[in-house]
Amino acid sequence: MSNLICEHCHKNVGTVTVIEIPKGSVDGAPHPASQMVLCEICAQAKNLPHAPVTKKSLGDIWKLLQASSAQAPKEPDVTCPQCGMTLNELRSRGRIGCANDYELFADDIHEILERMHGATEHQGRTPSLSQAEVSRIQAITDLQKDLDEAIQAEAYESAARIRDELRSLGGTANSPQVG
């Protein structure tokens, strides 16, 4: 580690590694921790719990971890007045307690869904159809739209041609009869 430079002052040798570990997850997936290397002087200036660089015993490391934990900011555990669900319970269980929780924990639910599913909106799945069938259905949808527009524009010859194409694809013309 002696070849690293302090990321704060960019002068001294970095001897203290600060690793910030994000909150736990519902799905058990690891979260990237942020890491910063500081020199002794910058670490002391930031009032970080650390000991000078020496060989540390297990007891010293344990005391350092306890001091670090005590200095970590504690976030209040919000509780739902209707069902008693807390934010910590929501994160550990991954399930809502009542309808009120959707509003109360909205920001946290958004974050949990993003982590679990990689998105916050349901995209759905394509039914198990062949690519040819999916293309046919899309063509029918597009032609139906074109037919409606042709009728609105009173372009009856185009509408009749589109109607015939729709029939050949097995679609039905839901618009008024043309010619």
N, C-alpha and C. Protein backbone atom coordinates (compact mmCIF):
# COMPACT_ATOMS: atom_id res chain seq x y z
N MET A 1 0.82 -1.19 0.00
CA MET A 1 0.00 0.00 0.00
C MET A 1 0.87 1.25 0.00
N SER A 2 2.15 1.15 0.27
CA SER A 2 3.02 2.30 0.42
C SER A 2 3.21 3.06 -0.90
N ASN A 3 2.85 2.50 -2.02
CA ASN A 3 3.02 3.20 -3.29
C ASN A 3 1.80 4.04 -3.66
N LEU A 4 0.76 4.07 -2.82
CA LEU A 4 -0.42 4.86 -3.11
C LEU A 4 -0.27 6.27 -2.55
N ILE A 5 -0.82 7.23 -3.24
CA ILE A 5 -0.77 8.63 -2.82
C ILE A 5 -2.13 8.98 -2.22
N CYS A 6 -2.11 9.82 -1.20
CA CYS A 6 -3.33 10.27 -0.52
C CYS A 6 -4.26 10.93 -1.54
N GLU A 7 -5.50 10.50 -1.55
CA GLU A 7 -6.48 11.04 -2.51
C GLU A 7 -7.04 12.39 -2.09
N HIS A 8 -6.69 12.84 -0.87
CA HIS A 8 -7.18 14.13 -0.41
C HIS A 8 -6.16 15.23 -0.65
N CYS A 9 -4.94 15.04 -0.16
CA CYS A 9 -3.92 16.08 -0.32
C CYS A 9 -3.04 15.87 -1.55
N HIS A 10 -3.04 14.68 -2.10
CA HIS A 10 -2.24 14.33 -3.28
C HIS A 10 -0.74 14.58 -3.09
N LYS A 11 -0.28 14.52 -1.81
CA LYS A 11 1.14 14.74 -1.53
C LYS A 11 1.76 13.56 -0.81
N ASN A 12 1.14 13.16 0.29
CA ASN A 12 1.72 12.15 1.17
C ASN A 12 1.35 10.74 0.73
N VAL A 13 2.10 9.80 1.28
CA VAL A 13 1.83 8.39 1.01
C VAL A 13 0.54 7.99 1.73
N GLY A 14 -0.36 7.34 1.01
CA GLY A 14 -1.62 6.88 1.58
C GLY A 14 -1.41 5.63 2.42
N THR A 15 -1.77 5.73 3.71
CA THR A 15 -1.60 4.58 4.61
C THR A 15 -2.91 4.15 5.25
N VAL A 16 -3.96 4.93 5.08
CA VAL A 16 -5.27 4.61 5.66
C VAL A 16 -6.24 4.39 4.51
N THR A 17 -6.85 3.21 4.49
CA THR A 17 -7.85 2.92 3.46
C THR A 17 -9.23 3.02 4.10
N VAL A 18 -10.07 3.87 3.53
CA VAL A 18 -11.43 4.06 4.02
C VAL A 18 -12.36 3.36 3.03
N ILE A 19 -13.13 2.42 3.53
CA ILE A 19 -14.07 1.70 2.67
C ILE A 19 -15.47 1.97 3.20
N GLU A 20 -16.32 2.56 2.35
CA GLU A 20 -17.71 2.81 2.73
C GLU A 20 -18.57 1.74 2.09
N ILE A 21 -19.26 1.00 2.93
CA ILE A 21 -20.10 -0.10 2.46
C ILE A 21 -21.55 0.37 2.48
N PRO A 22 -22.25 0.31 1.33
CA PRO A 22 -23.65 0.75 1.27
C PRO A 22 -24.55 -0.13 2.12
N LYS A 23 -25.77 0.35 2.30
CA LYS A 23 -26.77 -0.39 3.07
C LYS A 23 -26.96 -1.78 2.50
N GLY A 24 -27.46 -2.69 3.31
CA GLY A 24 -27.71 -4.08 2.89
C GLY A 24 -28.76 -4.16 1.81
N SER A 25 -28.89 -5.31 1.18
CA SER A 25 -29.85 -5.47 0.10
C SER A 25 -30.84 -6.56 0.45
N VAL A 26 -31.97 -6.48 -0.23
CA VAL A 26 -33.02 -7.47 -0.05
C VAL A 26 -32.70 -8.74 -0.81
N ASP A 27 -32.08 -8.58 -1.98
CA ASP A 27 -31.86 -9.73 -2.84
C ASP A 27 -30.53 -10.43 -2.59
N GLY A 28 -29.76 -9.93 -1.66
CA GLY A 28 -28.48 -10.57 -1.34
C GLY A 28 -27.37 -10.26 -2.32
N ALA A 29 -27.66 -9.43 -3.31
CA ALA A 29 -26.64 -9.10 -4.31
C ALA A 29 -25.62 -8.16 -3.69
N PRO A 30 -24.35 -8.31 -4.02
CA PRO A 30 -23.34 -7.42 -3.45
C PRO A 30 -23.48 -6.02 -4.02
N HIS A 31 -23.12 -5.05 -3.22
CA HIS A 31 -23.16 -3.67 -3.66
C HIS A 31 -21.73 -3.17 -3.72
N PRO A 32 -21.41 -2.39 -4.72
CA PRO A 32 -20.04 -1.90 -4.81
C PRO A 32 -19.74 -0.94 -3.66
N ALA A 33 -18.65 -1.18 -2.98
CA ALA A 33 -18.23 -0.30 -1.89
C ALA A 33 -17.31 0.76 -2.47
N SER A 34 -17.39 1.96 -1.90
CA SER A 34 -16.47 3.01 -2.36
C SER A 34 -15.24 2.96 -1.47
N GLN A 35 -14.09 3.22 -2.05
CA GLN A 35 -12.82 3.11 -1.34
C GLN A 35 -12.00 4.37 -1.56
N MET A 36 -11.36 4.84 -0.49
CA MET A 36 -10.52 6.02 -0.57
C MET A 36 -9.24 5.75 0.24
N VAL A 37 -8.11 6.17 -0.27
CA VAL A 37 -6.84 6.02 0.42
C VAL A 37 -6.39 7.41 0.89
N LEU A 38 -6.10 7.52 2.19
CA LEU A 38 -5.69 8.79 2.78
C LEU A 38 -4.36 8.63 3.50
N CYS A 39 -3.69 9.74 3.70
CA CYS A 39 -2.49 9.72 4.53
C CYS A 39 -2.93 9.87 6.00
N GLU A 40 -1.99 9.67 6.93
CA GLU A 40 -2.31 9.78 8.36
C GLU A 40 -2.86 11.17 8.70
N ILE A 41 -2.26 12.20 8.13
CA ILE A 41 -2.65 13.58 8.45
C ILE A 41 -4.08 13.85 8.00
N CYS A 42 -4.42 13.47 6.77
CA CYS A 42 -5.77 13.71 6.25
C CYS A 42 -6.80 12.86 6.98
N ALA A 43 -6.44 11.65 7.34
CA ALA A 43 -7.35 10.79 8.09
C ALA A 43 -7.65 11.40 9.45
N GLN A 44 -6.63 11.95 10.11
CA GLN A 44 -6.84 12.61 11.40
C GLN A 44 -7.69 13.86 11.23
N ALA A 45 -7.44 14.62 10.15
CA ALA A 45 -8.20 15.85 9.90
C ALA A 45 -9.68 15.55 9.66
N LYS A 46 -9.97 14.41 9.07
CA LYS A 46 -11.36 14.02 8.82
C LYS A 46 -11.98 13.33 10.03
N ASN A 47 -11.19 13.23 11.11
CA ASN A 47 -11.65 12.62 12.35
C ASN A 47 -12.13 11.19 12.13
N LEU A 48 -11.42 10.46 11.30
CA LEU A 48 -11.78 9.07 11.04
C LEU A 48 -11.18 8.20 12.14
N PRO A 49 -11.91 7.20 12.57
CA PRO A 49 -11.35 6.31 13.57
C PRO A 49 -10.27 5.44 12.94
N HIS A 50 -9.07 5.61 13.39
CA HIS A 50 -7.96 4.82 12.86
C HIS A 50 -6.82 4.85 13.87
N ALA A 51 -5.93 3.97 13.71
CA ALA A 51 -4.73 3.92 14.54
C ALA A 51 -3.54 4.15 13.63
N PRO A 52 -2.45 4.65 14.18
CA PRO A 52 -1.26 4.82 13.34
C PRO A 52 -0.87 3.49 12.70
N VAL A 53 -0.19 3.58 11.57
CA VAL A 53 0.17 2.38 10.84
C VAL A 53 1.21 1.60 11.64
N THR A 54 0.75 0.56 12.24
CA THR A 54 1.60 -0.38 12.97
C THR A 54 0.96 -1.73 12.83
N LYS A 55 1.65 -2.73 13.27
CA LYS A 55 1.06 -4.07 13.24
C LYS A 55 -0.02 -4.10 14.32
N LYS A 56 -1.22 -4.42 13.92
CA LYS A 56 -2.36 -4.37 14.85
C LYS A 56 -2.73 -5.77 15.31
N SER A 57 -3.08 -5.84 16.57
CA SER A 57 -3.56 -7.12 17.11
C SER A 57 -5.04 -7.24 16.79
N LEU A 58 -5.58 -8.40 16.98
CA LEU A 58 -7.00 -8.62 16.73
C LEU A 58 -7.85 -7.73 17.63
N GLY A 59 -7.40 -7.53 18.87
CA GLY A 59 -8.12 -6.65 19.80
C GLY A 59 -8.15 -5.23 19.29
N ASP A 60 -7.02 -4.76 18.74
CA ASP A 60 -6.96 -3.39 18.20
C ASP A 60 -7.91 -3.23 17.03
N ILE A 61 -7.93 -4.22 16.18
CA ILE A 61 -8.83 -4.16 15.02
C ILE A 61 -10.28 -4.15 15.47
N TRP A 62 -10.60 -4.96 16.48
CA TRP A 62 -11.97 -5.00 17.00
C TRP A 62 -12.36 -3.64 17.56
N LYS A 63 -11.49 -2.99 18.33
CA LYS A 63 -11.77 -1.68 18.89
C LYS A 63 -11.97 -0.65 17.77
N LEU A 64 -11.16 -0.75 16.74
CA LEU A 64 -11.28 0.16 15.61
C LEU A 64 -12.64 0.00 14.91
N LEU A 65 -13.05 -1.24 14.74
CA LEU A 65 -14.36 -1.50 14.12
C LEU A 65 -15.50 -0.97 14.99
N GLN A 66 -15.41 -1.14 16.28
CA GLN A 66 -16.45 -0.64 17.18
C GLN A 66 -16.51 0.88 17.13
N ALA A 67 -15.35 1.53 17.13
CA ALA A 67 -15.31 2.99 17.07
C ALA A 67 -15.91 3.49 15.75
N SER A 68 -15.58 2.81 14.67
CA SER A 68 -16.10 3.18 13.36
C SER A 68 -17.61 3.03 13.33
N SER A 69 -18.11 1.95 13.87
CA SER A 69 -19.56 1.69 13.90
C SER A 69 -20.28 2.74 14.73
N ALA A 70 -19.67 3.14 15.85
CA ALA A 70 -20.29 4.14 16.71
C ALA A 70 -20.37 5.50 16.02
N GLN A 71 -19.42 5.81 15.15
CA GLN A 71 -19.41 7.10 14.46
C GLN A 71 -20.25 7.10 13.19
N ALA A 72 -20.67 5.94 12.73
CA ALA A 72 -21.47 5.87 11.51
C ALA A 72 -22.80 6.56 11.75
N PRO A 73 -23.25 7.35 10.78
CA PRO A 73 -24.53 8.04 10.96
C PRO A 73 -25.67 7.03 11.04
N LYS A 74 -26.50 7.20 12.04
CA LYS A 74 -27.65 6.32 12.22
C LYS A 74 -28.85 6.97 11.56
N GLU A 75 -29.54 6.23 10.71
CA GLU A 75 -30.73 6.78 10.10
C GLU A 75 -31.94 6.33 10.91
N PRO A 76 -32.91 7.21 11.09
CA PRO A 76 -34.07 6.84 11.88
C PRO A 76 -34.85 5.73 11.18
N ASP A 77 -35.36 4.81 11.95
CA ASP A 77 -36.14 3.71 11.38
C ASP A 77 -37.60 4.13 11.35
N VAL A 78 -38.07 4.54 10.18
CA VAL A 78 -39.45 4.99 10.00
C VAL A 78 -40.38 3.80 10.19
N THR A 79 -41.49 4.03 10.89
CA THR A 79 -42.46 2.96 11.16
C THR A 79 -43.82 3.36 10.60
N CYS A 80 -44.48 2.43 9.93
CA CYS A 80 -45.82 2.67 9.40
C CYS A 80 -46.82 2.70 10.56
N PRO A 81 -47.64 3.75 10.64
CA PRO A 81 -48.61 3.84 11.73
C PRO A 81 -49.75 2.81 11.60
N GLN A 82 -49.97 2.28 10.40
CA GLN A 82 -51.07 1.34 10.20
C GLN A 82 -50.69 -0.10 10.49
N CYS A 83 -49.54 -0.55 9.96
CA CYS A 83 -49.18 -1.97 10.10
C CYS A 83 -47.96 -2.20 10.97
N GLY A 84 -47.25 -1.12 11.33
CA GLY A 84 -46.07 -1.25 12.18
C GLY A 84 -44.81 -1.66 11.44
N MET A 85 -44.86 -1.75 10.12
CA MET A 85 -43.68 -2.12 9.32
C MET A 85 -42.63 -1.03 9.43
N THR A 86 -41.39 -1.44 9.63
CA THR A 86 -40.28 -0.48 9.66
C THR A 86 -39.50 -0.58 8.36
N LEU A 87 -38.70 0.43 8.10
CA LEU A 87 -37.89 0.44 6.89
C LEU A 87 -36.89 -0.73 6.91
N ASN A 88 -36.32 -1.00 8.07
CA ASN A 88 -35.39 -2.13 8.17
C ASN A 88 -36.09 -3.46 7.87
N GLU A 89 -37.33 -3.62 8.34
CA GLU A 89 -38.09 -4.84 8.04
C GLU A 89 -38.36 -4.95 6.54
N LEU A 90 -38.73 -3.83 5.92
CA LEU A 90 -38.99 -3.83 4.48
C LEU A 90 -37.75 -4.26 3.72
N ARG A 91 -36.60 -3.72 4.10
CA ARG A 91 -35.36 -4.07 3.42
C ARG A 91 -35.00 -5.55 3.62
N SER A 92 -35.24 -6.07 4.81
CA SER A 92 -34.86 -7.47 5.06
C SER A 92 -35.88 -8.44 4.47
N ARG A 93 -37.17 -8.13 4.55
CA ARG A 93 -38.20 -9.04 4.04
C ARG A 93 -38.45 -8.88 2.55
N GLY A 94 -38.36 -7.63 2.07
CA GLY A 94 -38.62 -7.36 0.67
C GLY A 94 -40.09 -7.40 0.33
N ARG A 95 -40.94 -7.27 1.35
CA ARG A 95 -42.39 -7.28 1.13
C ARG A 95 -43.04 -6.13 1.88
N ILE A 96 -44.11 -5.62 1.31
CA ILE A 96 -44.86 -4.51 1.88
C ILE A 96 -45.82 -5.05 2.94
N GLY A 97 -46.04 -4.26 4.00
CA GLY A 97 -46.96 -4.67 5.06
C GLY A 97 -48.40 -4.27 4.78
N CYS A 98 -48.61 -3.07 4.24
CA CYS A 98 -49.97 -2.60 3.93
C CYS A 98 -49.89 -1.58 2.80
N ALA A 99 -51.05 -1.12 2.33
CA ALA A 99 -51.09 -0.18 1.21
C ALA A 99 -50.42 1.15 1.56
N ASN A 100 -50.47 1.56 2.81
CA ASN A 100 -49.85 2.82 3.24
C ASN A 100 -48.33 2.79 3.05
N ASP A 101 -47.74 1.60 3.11
CA ASP A 101 -46.28 1.48 2.98
C ASP A 101 -45.78 1.94 1.61
N TYR A 102 -46.61 1.83 0.57
CA TYR A 102 -46.18 2.26 -0.76
C TYR A 102 -45.85 3.75 -0.76
N GLU A 103 -46.63 4.55 -0.05
CA GLU A 103 -46.36 5.99 0.03
C GLU A 103 -45.25 6.28 1.00
N LEU A 104 -45.32 5.65 2.18
CA LEU A 104 -44.36 5.92 3.24
C LEU A 104 -42.93 5.58 2.83
N PHE A 105 -42.75 4.46 2.14
CA PHE A 105 -41.42 4.00 1.77
C PHE A 105 -41.16 4.13 0.27
N ALA A 106 -41.81 5.07 -0.40
CA ALA A 106 -41.75 5.19 -1.86
C ALA A 106 -40.31 5.25 -2.39
N ASP A 107 -39.49 6.09 -1.82
CA ASP A 107 -38.11 6.22 -2.32
C ASP A 107 -37.33 4.93 -2.12
N ASP A 108 -37.54 4.29 -0.98
CA ASP A 108 -36.81 3.06 -0.68
C ASP A 108 -37.29 1.91 -1.56
N ILE A 109 -38.59 1.87 -1.83
CA ILE A 109 -39.13 0.82 -2.70
C ILE A 109 -38.54 0.96 -4.10
N HIS A 110 -38.45 2.19 -4.56
CA HIS A 110 -37.86 2.45 -5.88
C HIS A 110 -36.44 1.88 -5.93
N GLU A 111 -35.65 2.17 -4.89
CA GLU A 111 -34.26 1.69 -4.82
C GLU A 111 -34.21 0.16 -4.75
N ILE A 112 -35.09 -0.44 -3.96
CA ILE A 112 -35.11 -1.90 -3.82
C ILE A 112 -35.47 -2.56 -5.14
N LEU A 113 -36.49 -2.05 -5.83
CA LEU A 113 -36.90 -2.62 -7.11
C LEU A 113 -35.79 -2.50 -8.15
N GLU A 114 -35.14 -1.36 -8.15
CA GLU A 114 -34.04 -1.14 -9.10
C GLU A 114 -32.94 -2.17 -8.88
N ARG A 115 -32.61 -2.42 -7.60
CA ARG A 115 -31.57 -3.40 -7.29
C ARG A 115 -32.01 -4.82 -7.62
N MET A 116 -33.26 -5.17 -7.29
CA MET A 116 -33.73 -6.53 -7.48
C MET A 116 -33.93 -6.88 -8.95
N HIS A 117 -34.53 -5.96 -9.70
CA HIS A 117 -34.95 -6.27 -11.06
C HIS A 117 -34.18 -5.52 -12.14
N GLY A 118 -33.37 -4.58 -11.75
CA GLY A 118 -32.63 -3.82 -12.73
C GLY A 118 -33.47 -2.75 -13.41
N ALA A 119 -34.72 -2.59 -13.00
CA ALA A 119 -35.62 -1.58 -13.56
C ALA A 119 -36.72 -1.30 -12.55
N THR A 120 -37.41 -0.18 -12.73
CA THR A 120 -38.51 0.14 -11.83
C THR A 120 -39.87 0.06 -12.53
N GLU A 121 -39.85 -0.25 -13.81
CA GLU A 121 -41.10 -0.41 -14.56
C GLU A 121 -41.15 -1.80 -15.15
N HIS A 122 -42.33 -2.42 -15.09
CA HIS A 122 -42.49 -3.75 -15.65
C HIS A 122 -42.58 -3.66 -17.17
N GLN A 123 -41.74 -4.42 -17.84
CA GLN A 123 -41.71 -4.39 -19.29
C GLN A 123 -42.56 -5.49 -19.90
N GLY A 124 -42.88 -6.50 -19.14
CA GLY A 124 -43.67 -7.60 -19.66
C GLY A 124 -42.83 -8.54 -20.51
N ARG A 125 -43.43 -9.59 -20.95
CA ARG A 125 -42.75 -10.55 -21.80
C ARG A 125 -43.55 -10.75 -23.06
N THR A 126 -42.86 -11.08 -24.12
CA THR A 126 -43.53 -11.39 -25.38
C THR A 126 -44.05 -12.82 -25.29
N PRO A 127 -45.31 -13.02 -25.68
CA PRO A 127 -45.81 -14.39 -25.65
C PRO A 127 -44.95 -15.28 -26.55
N SER A 128 -44.98 -16.55 -26.30
CA SER A 128 -44.14 -17.46 -27.09
C SER A 128 -44.72 -17.62 -28.49
N LEU A 129 -44.44 -16.63 -29.32
CA LEU A 129 -44.87 -16.63 -30.72
C LEU A 129 -43.63 -16.64 -31.60
N SER A 130 -43.81 -17.15 -32.80
CA SER A 130 -42.69 -17.12 -33.73
C SER A 130 -42.46 -15.67 -34.18
N GLN A 131 -41.28 -15.41 -34.67
CA GLN A 131 -40.97 -14.06 -35.14
C GLN A 131 -41.89 -13.67 -36.29
N ALA A 132 -42.25 -14.62 -37.13
CA ALA A 132 -43.15 -14.34 -38.25
C ALA A 132 -44.53 -13.90 -37.73
N GLU A 133 -45.01 -14.56 -36.68
CA GLU A 133 -46.33 -14.21 -36.12
C GLU A 133 -46.28 -12.83 -35.46
N VAL A 134 -45.20 -12.53 -34.77
CA VAL A 134 -45.05 -11.21 -34.15
C VAL A 134 -45.02 -10.14 -35.23
N SER A 135 -44.32 -10.39 -36.32
CA SER A 135 -44.26 -9.44 -37.44
C SER A 135 -45.63 -9.25 -38.07
N ARG A 136 -46.39 -10.36 -38.23
CA ARG A 136 -47.74 -10.28 -38.81
C ARG A 136 -48.66 -9.43 -37.93
N ILE A 137 -48.59 -9.65 -36.62
CA ILE A 137 -49.44 -8.89 -35.70
C ILE A 137 -49.07 -7.41 -35.75
N GLN A 138 -47.77 -7.11 -35.82
CA GLN A 138 -47.34 -5.72 -35.90
C GLN A 138 -47.81 -5.08 -37.21
N ALA A 139 -47.75 -5.83 -38.31
CA ALA A 139 -48.20 -5.32 -39.60
C ALA A 139 -49.69 -5.02 -39.56
N ILE A 140 -50.47 -5.91 -38.94
CA ILE A 140 -51.92 -5.69 -38.83
C ILE A 140 -52.20 -4.43 -38.02
N THR A 141 -51.48 -4.25 -36.92
CA THR A 141 -51.66 -3.06 -36.08
C THR A 141 -51.35 -1.80 -36.87
N ASP A 142 -50.23 -1.82 -37.61
CA ASP A 142 -49.85 -0.65 -38.40
C ASP A 142 -50.86 -0.36 -39.50
N LEU A 143 -51.33 -1.42 -40.18
CA LEU A 143 -52.32 -1.23 -41.25
C LEU A 143 -53.64 -0.70 -40.69
N GLN A 144 -54.05 -1.18 -39.51
CA GLN A 144 -55.29 -0.71 -38.90
C GLN A 144 -55.21 0.79 -38.63
N LYS A 145 -54.04 1.23 -38.15
CA LYS A 145 -53.82 2.66 -37.90
C LYS A 145 -53.88 3.43 -39.22
N ASP A 146 -53.20 2.91 -40.26
CA ASP A 146 -53.22 3.57 -41.57
C ASP A 146 -54.64 3.66 -42.13
N LEU A 147 -55.42 2.58 -41.94
CA LEU A 147 -56.80 2.57 -42.42
C LEU A 147 -57.62 3.66 -41.73
N ASP A 148 -57.48 3.76 -40.41
CA ASP A 148 -58.22 4.80 -39.67
C ASP A 148 -57.85 6.19 -40.17
N GLU A 149 -56.54 6.41 -40.41
CA GLU A 149 -56.09 7.71 -40.90
C GLU A 149 -56.62 7.99 -42.31
N ALA A 150 -56.64 6.97 -43.17
CA ALA A 150 -57.13 7.15 -44.55
C ALA A 150 -58.61 7.50 -44.54
N ILE A 151 -59.37 6.86 -43.68
CA ILE A 151 -60.81 7.15 -43.60
C ILE A 151 -61.03 8.56 -43.08
N GLN A 152 -60.25 8.97 -42.05
CA GLN A 152 -60.36 10.33 -41.51
C GLN A 152 -60.07 11.35 -42.60
N ALA A 153 -59.09 11.05 -43.47
CA ALA A 153 -58.70 11.97 -44.54
C ALA A 153 -59.60 11.83 -45.76
N GLU A 154 -60.57 10.93 -45.68
CA GLU A 154 -61.50 10.65 -46.78
C GLU A 154 -60.76 10.21 -48.04
N ALA A 155 -59.67 9.46 -47.85
CA ALA A 155 -58.92 8.89 -48.97
C ALA A 155 -59.42 7.46 -49.14
N TYR A 156 -60.60 7.33 -49.78
CA TYR A 156 -61.29 6.06 -49.82
C TYR A 156 -60.59 5.01 -50.67
N GLU A 157 -59.91 5.43 -51.73
CA GLU A 157 -59.19 4.45 -52.55
C GLU A 157 -58.05 3.83 -51.74
N SER A 158 -57.30 4.64 -51.00
CA SER A 158 -56.22 4.12 -50.13
C SER A 158 -56.82 3.24 -49.04
N ALA A 159 -57.95 3.68 -48.49
CA ALA A 159 -58.59 2.91 -47.43
C ALA A 159 -59.02 1.53 -47.93
N ALA A 160 -59.52 1.46 -49.17
CA ALA A 160 -59.94 0.18 -49.73
C ALA A 160 -58.72 -0.73 -49.93
N ARG A 161 -57.62 -0.18 -50.42
CA ARG A 161 -56.40 -0.97 -50.60
C ARG A 161 -55.89 -1.49 -49.26
N ILE A 162 -55.87 -0.62 -48.24
CA ILE A 162 -55.40 -1.03 -46.91
C ILE A 162 -56.33 -2.09 -46.33
N ARG A 163 -57.65 -1.93 -46.54
CA ARG A 163 -58.61 -2.92 -46.07
C ARG A 163 -58.32 -4.29 -46.67
N ASP A 164 -58.01 -4.30 -47.98
CA ASP A 164 -57.71 -5.57 -48.64
C ASP A 164 -56.43 -6.19 -48.10
N GLU A 165 -55.43 -5.37 -47.81
CA GLU A 165 -54.19 -5.88 -47.22
C GLU A 165 -54.46 -6.49 -45.84
N LEU A 166 -55.31 -5.79 -45.08
CA LEU A 166 -55.66 -6.30 -43.75
C LEU A 166 -56.32 -7.67 -43.85
N ARG A 167 -57.25 -7.79 -44.76
CA ARG A 167 -57.94 -9.08 -44.94
C ARG A 167 -56.98 -10.18 -45.36
N SER A 168 -55.99 -9.84 -46.24
CA SER A 168 -55.04 -10.86 -46.68
C SER A 168 -54.14 -11.33 -45.54
N LEU A 169 -53.92 -10.46 -44.53
CA LEU A 169 -53.10 -10.84 -43.38
C LEU A 169 -53.92 -11.53 -42.29
N GLY A 170 -55.22 -11.57 -42.50
CA GLY A 170 -56.08 -12.21 -41.50
C GLY A 170 -56.57 -11.26 -40.44
N GLY A 171 -56.32 -9.97 -40.63
CA GLY A 171 -56.81 -8.96 -39.70
C GLY A 171 -58.20 -8.54 -40.10
N THR A 172 -58.88 -7.90 -39.20
CA THR A 172 -60.22 -7.40 -39.52
C THR A 172 -60.18 -5.89 -39.49
N ALA A 173 -60.93 -5.29 -40.38
CA ALA A 173 -61.02 -3.84 -40.45
C ALA A 173 -62.08 -3.40 -39.47
N ASN A 174 -61.71 -2.73 -38.38
CA ASN A 174 -62.65 -2.29 -37.36
C ASN A 174 -63.26 -0.94 -37.67
N SER A 175 -62.83 -0.34 -38.76
CA SER A 175 -63.35 0.95 -39.13
C SER A 175 -64.59 0.77 -39.99
N PRO A 176 -65.32 1.87 -40.25
CA PRO A 176 -66.51 1.76 -41.09
C PRO A 176 -66.19 1.15 -42.45
N GLN A 177 -67.17 0.54 -43.04
CA GLN A 177 -66.99 -0.14 -44.33
C GLN A 177 -66.57 0.87 -45.39
N VAL A 178 -65.64 0.43 -46.21
CA VAL A 178 -65.12 1.26 -47.29
C VAL A 178 -65.46 0.57 -48.60
N GLY A 179 -66.06 1.29 -49.51
CA GLY A 179 -66.35 0.85 -50.87
C GLY A 179 -66.85 -0.49 -50.96
